[in-house]
N, C-alpha and C. Protein backbone atom coordinates (compact mmCIF):
# COMPACT_ATOMS: atom_id res chain seq x y z
N SER A 1 -59.33 58.93 -191.84
CA SER A 1 -59.10 59.96 -190.70
C SER A 1 -58.66 61.34 -191.54
N GLY A 2 -59.06 61.05 -192.61
CA GLY A 2 -58.21 62.74 -193.77
C GLY A 2 -57.09 63.04 -193.58
N VAL A 3 -55.87 61.76 -193.02
CA VAL A 3 -54.58 61.88 -192.88
C VAL A 3 -53.84 61.76 -194.41
N ASN A 4 -53.10 62.87 -194.82
CA ASN A 4 -52.37 62.99 -196.19
C ASN A 4 -50.81 62.99 -195.61
N HIS A 5 -50.15 62.11 -196.66
CA HIS A 5 -48.45 62.32 -196.68
C HIS A 5 -48.43 62.23 -198.18
N GLU A 6 -47.44 62.90 -198.20
CA GLU A 6 -46.57 62.88 -199.67
C GLU A 6 -46.27 61.21 -200.16
N HIS A 7 -45.90 60.82 -201.24
CA HIS A 7 -45.83 59.82 -201.42
C HIS A 7 -44.30 59.58 -201.11
N ASP A 8 -43.51 60.17 -201.20
CA ASP A 8 -42.00 59.88 -201.04
C ASP A 8 -41.48 60.51 -199.54
N GLN A 9 -42.58 60.58 -198.83
CA GLN A 9 -41.97 60.99 -197.36
C GLN A 9 -41.31 59.75 -196.97
N PRO A 10 -40.22 59.92 -196.00
CA PRO A 10 -39.64 58.97 -195.13
C PRO A 10 -40.62 58.54 -193.99
N ALA A 11 -40.43 56.97 -193.81
CA ALA A 11 -41.22 56.53 -192.61
C ALA A 11 -41.01 56.91 -191.16
N HIS A 12 -41.90 57.18 -190.45
CA HIS A 12 -41.50 58.11 -189.09
C HIS A 12 -41.74 57.31 -188.09
N LEU A 13 -42.08 55.98 -188.36
CA LEU A 13 -42.35 54.94 -187.30
C LEU A 13 -41.22 53.96 -187.85
N LYS A 14 -40.32 53.47 -186.65
CA LYS A 14 -39.67 52.45 -186.83
C LYS A 14 -39.23 51.71 -185.71
N VAL A 15 -38.75 50.23 -185.92
CA VAL A 15 -37.96 49.60 -185.03
C VAL A 15 -36.57 49.96 -184.82
N LYS A 16 -35.94 49.91 -183.61
CA LYS A 16 -34.66 50.56 -183.22
C LYS A 16 -33.66 48.77 -184.50
N PRO A 17 -32.92 48.88 -184.90
CA PRO A 17 -32.04 47.74 -185.44
C PRO A 17 -31.80 46.76 -184.48
N ASP A 18 -31.26 47.14 -183.20
CA ASP A 18 -30.75 46.60 -182.34
C ASP A 18 -32.32 45.94 -181.48
N LYS A 19 -33.27 46.18 -181.75
CA LYS A 19 -34.44 45.58 -180.83
C LYS A 19 -35.27 44.90 -182.26
N ALA A 20 -34.72 44.51 -183.40
CA ALA A 20 -35.84 44.40 -184.15
C ALA A 20 -36.07 43.00 -184.13
N ASP A 21 -35.67 41.87 -183.23
CA ASP A 21 -36.25 40.86 -182.85
C ASP A 21 -37.48 40.98 -181.60
N VAL A 22 -37.57 41.96 -180.78
CA VAL A 22 -38.32 42.51 -179.94
C VAL A 22 -40.00 41.61 -180.45
N PRO A 23 -40.43 42.88 -181.47
CA PRO A 23 -41.85 42.66 -182.08
C PRO A 23 -42.29 41.10 -182.12
N VAL A 24 -41.50 40.03 -182.27
CA VAL A 24 -41.80 38.80 -182.97
C VAL A 24 -41.75 38.13 -181.64
N GLU A 25 -40.28 37.85 -181.38
CA GLU A 25 -39.66 36.91 -180.18
C GLU A 25 -40.43 37.15 -178.92
N ILE A 26 -40.78 38.68 -178.61
CA ILE A 26 -41.29 38.94 -177.35
C ILE A 26 -43.10 39.23 -177.37
N SER A 27 -43.24 40.31 -177.86
CA SER A 27 -44.52 40.83 -178.10
C SER A 27 -45.51 39.84 -178.80
N PHE A 28 -45.25 39.48 -179.97
CA PHE A 28 -46.02 38.48 -180.67
C PHE A 28 -45.89 36.93 -180.01
N GLU A 29 -45.19 36.62 -179.84
CA GLU A 29 -44.96 35.02 -178.77
C GLU A 29 -45.78 35.04 -177.62
N LYS A 30 -45.35 36.28 -176.78
CA LYS A 30 -45.78 36.26 -175.47
C LYS A 30 -47.36 36.87 -175.16
N TYR A 31 -47.54 37.97 -175.89
CA TYR A 31 -48.25 38.84 -175.67
C TYR A 31 -49.58 38.58 -176.87
N ALA A 32 -49.17 37.77 -178.18
CA ALA A 32 -50.03 37.86 -178.92
C ALA A 32 -50.10 39.34 -179.96
N GLY A 33 -49.15 39.88 -179.60
CA GLY A 33 -48.77 41.29 -180.61
C GLY A 33 -49.70 42.45 -180.12
N PRO A 34 -49.88 42.91 -179.22
CA PRO A 34 -50.75 43.89 -178.72
C PRO A 34 -50.89 45.29 -179.75
N GLU A 35 -49.76 45.60 -180.32
CA GLU A 35 -49.86 46.75 -181.26
C GLU A 35 -50.39 46.42 -182.29
N GLY A 36 -50.50 44.99 -182.96
CA GLY A 36 -51.60 45.07 -183.95
C GLY A 36 -53.02 45.56 -183.65
N ARG A 37 -53.00 45.68 -182.40
CA ARG A 37 -54.54 46.37 -181.60
C ARG A 37 -54.62 47.58 -181.37
N PHE A 38 -53.52 48.73 -181.61
CA PHE A 38 -53.07 49.74 -181.14
C PHE A 38 -53.76 50.94 -182.02
N CYS A 39 -53.97 50.84 -183.05
CA CYS A 39 -54.42 51.62 -183.88
C CYS A 39 -55.36 51.34 -184.89
N PRO A 40 -56.80 51.68 -185.01
CA PRO A 40 -57.76 50.70 -185.77
C PRO A 40 -57.53 51.23 -187.39
N ALA A 41 -56.47 51.88 -187.78
CA ALA A 41 -56.13 52.37 -189.12
C ALA A 41 -55.07 51.23 -189.56
N LYS A 42 -54.40 50.24 -188.62
CA LYS A 42 -53.75 48.97 -189.16
C LYS A 42 -52.36 49.64 -189.37
N VAL A 43 -51.78 50.74 -188.32
CA VAL A 43 -50.47 50.81 -188.38
C VAL A 43 -49.62 50.15 -188.21
N TYR A 44 -49.95 49.33 -187.20
CA TYR A 44 -48.89 47.81 -186.56
C TYR A 44 -49.64 46.77 -187.20
N GLU A 45 -49.27 45.84 -187.96
CA GLU A 45 -49.80 44.71 -188.75
C GLU A 45 -48.72 43.33 -188.42
N TYR A 46 -49.44 42.52 -187.98
CA TYR A 46 -48.29 41.38 -188.16
C TYR A 46 -48.82 40.47 -189.39
N VAL A 47 -47.68 40.21 -189.92
CA VAL A 47 -47.99 39.74 -191.77
C VAL A 47 -47.34 38.31 -191.40
N PRO A 48 -47.37 37.31 -192.44
CA PRO A 48 -46.61 36.43 -192.39
C PRO A 48 -45.02 36.96 -193.38
N ASP A 49 -43.72 36.03 -192.48
CA ASP A 49 -42.48 36.58 -193.24
C ASP A 49 -41.97 36.19 -194.39
N GLU A 50 -41.01 36.51 -195.09
CA GLU A 50 -40.61 36.07 -196.50
C GLU A 50 -40.87 34.54 -196.23
N SER A 51 -40.59 33.57 -195.24
CA SER A 51 -40.29 32.54 -195.54
C SER A 51 -41.66 31.71 -195.38
N GLY A 52 -42.31 32.73 -194.87
CA GLY A 52 -43.68 32.06 -194.74
C GLY A 52 -44.33 30.73 -193.78
N ASP A 53 -42.85 30.91 -192.90
CA ASP A 53 -42.85 29.97 -191.37
C ASP A 53 -43.35 30.91 -190.24
N GLY A 54 -42.97 32.05 -190.53
CA GLY A 54 -43.37 33.00 -189.09
C GLY A 54 -44.08 34.39 -189.39
N MET A 55 -44.18 35.39 -189.02
CA MET A 55 -44.55 36.37 -188.67
C MET A 55 -43.25 37.38 -188.39
N LYS A 56 -43.82 38.55 -188.88
CA LYS A 56 -43.24 39.64 -188.84
C LYS A 56 -44.09 40.90 -188.56
N LEU A 57 -43.59 42.01 -187.81
CA LEU A 57 -44.56 43.49 -187.73
C LEU A 57 -44.05 44.12 -189.12
N GLN A 58 -45.02 44.60 -189.34
CA GLN A 58 -44.89 45.60 -190.72
C GLN A 58 -45.89 46.81 -190.04
N ILE A 59 -44.65 47.98 -190.22
CA ILE A 59 -45.34 48.88 -189.64
C ILE A 59 -45.88 50.09 -191.33
N ASN A 60 -47.02 50.18 -191.27
CA ASN A 60 -47.75 51.15 -192.50
C ASN A 60 -48.02 52.40 -191.84
N ALA A 61 -46.48 53.08 -191.98
CA ALA A 61 -46.60 54.23 -191.40
C ALA A 61 -47.29 55.53 -192.54
N GLN A 62 -47.70 54.73 -193.65
CA GLN A 62 -48.32 55.82 -194.37
C GLN A 62 -49.77 55.77 -193.74
N ASN A 63 -50.38 54.98 -193.02
CA ASN A 63 -51.56 55.17 -192.39
C ASN A 63 -51.74 55.74 -191.56
N CYS A 64 -50.50 56.59 -190.84
CA CYS A 64 -50.38 57.06 -189.47
C CYS A 64 -50.77 58.75 -189.47
């Protein structure tokens, strides 16, 4: 895409702390995580969580 970011640039895409459960508990469980298909650059991606038993939303802001 030709997008270039400084390596130390702060992430501009974030999930609000009080909504941190929404991506997995609602979006992924109920709708199969549509945000994972919003962008062909894989900015929003569901990956296994630290426990390996579930999923978490990973925001790859450097791809935006």
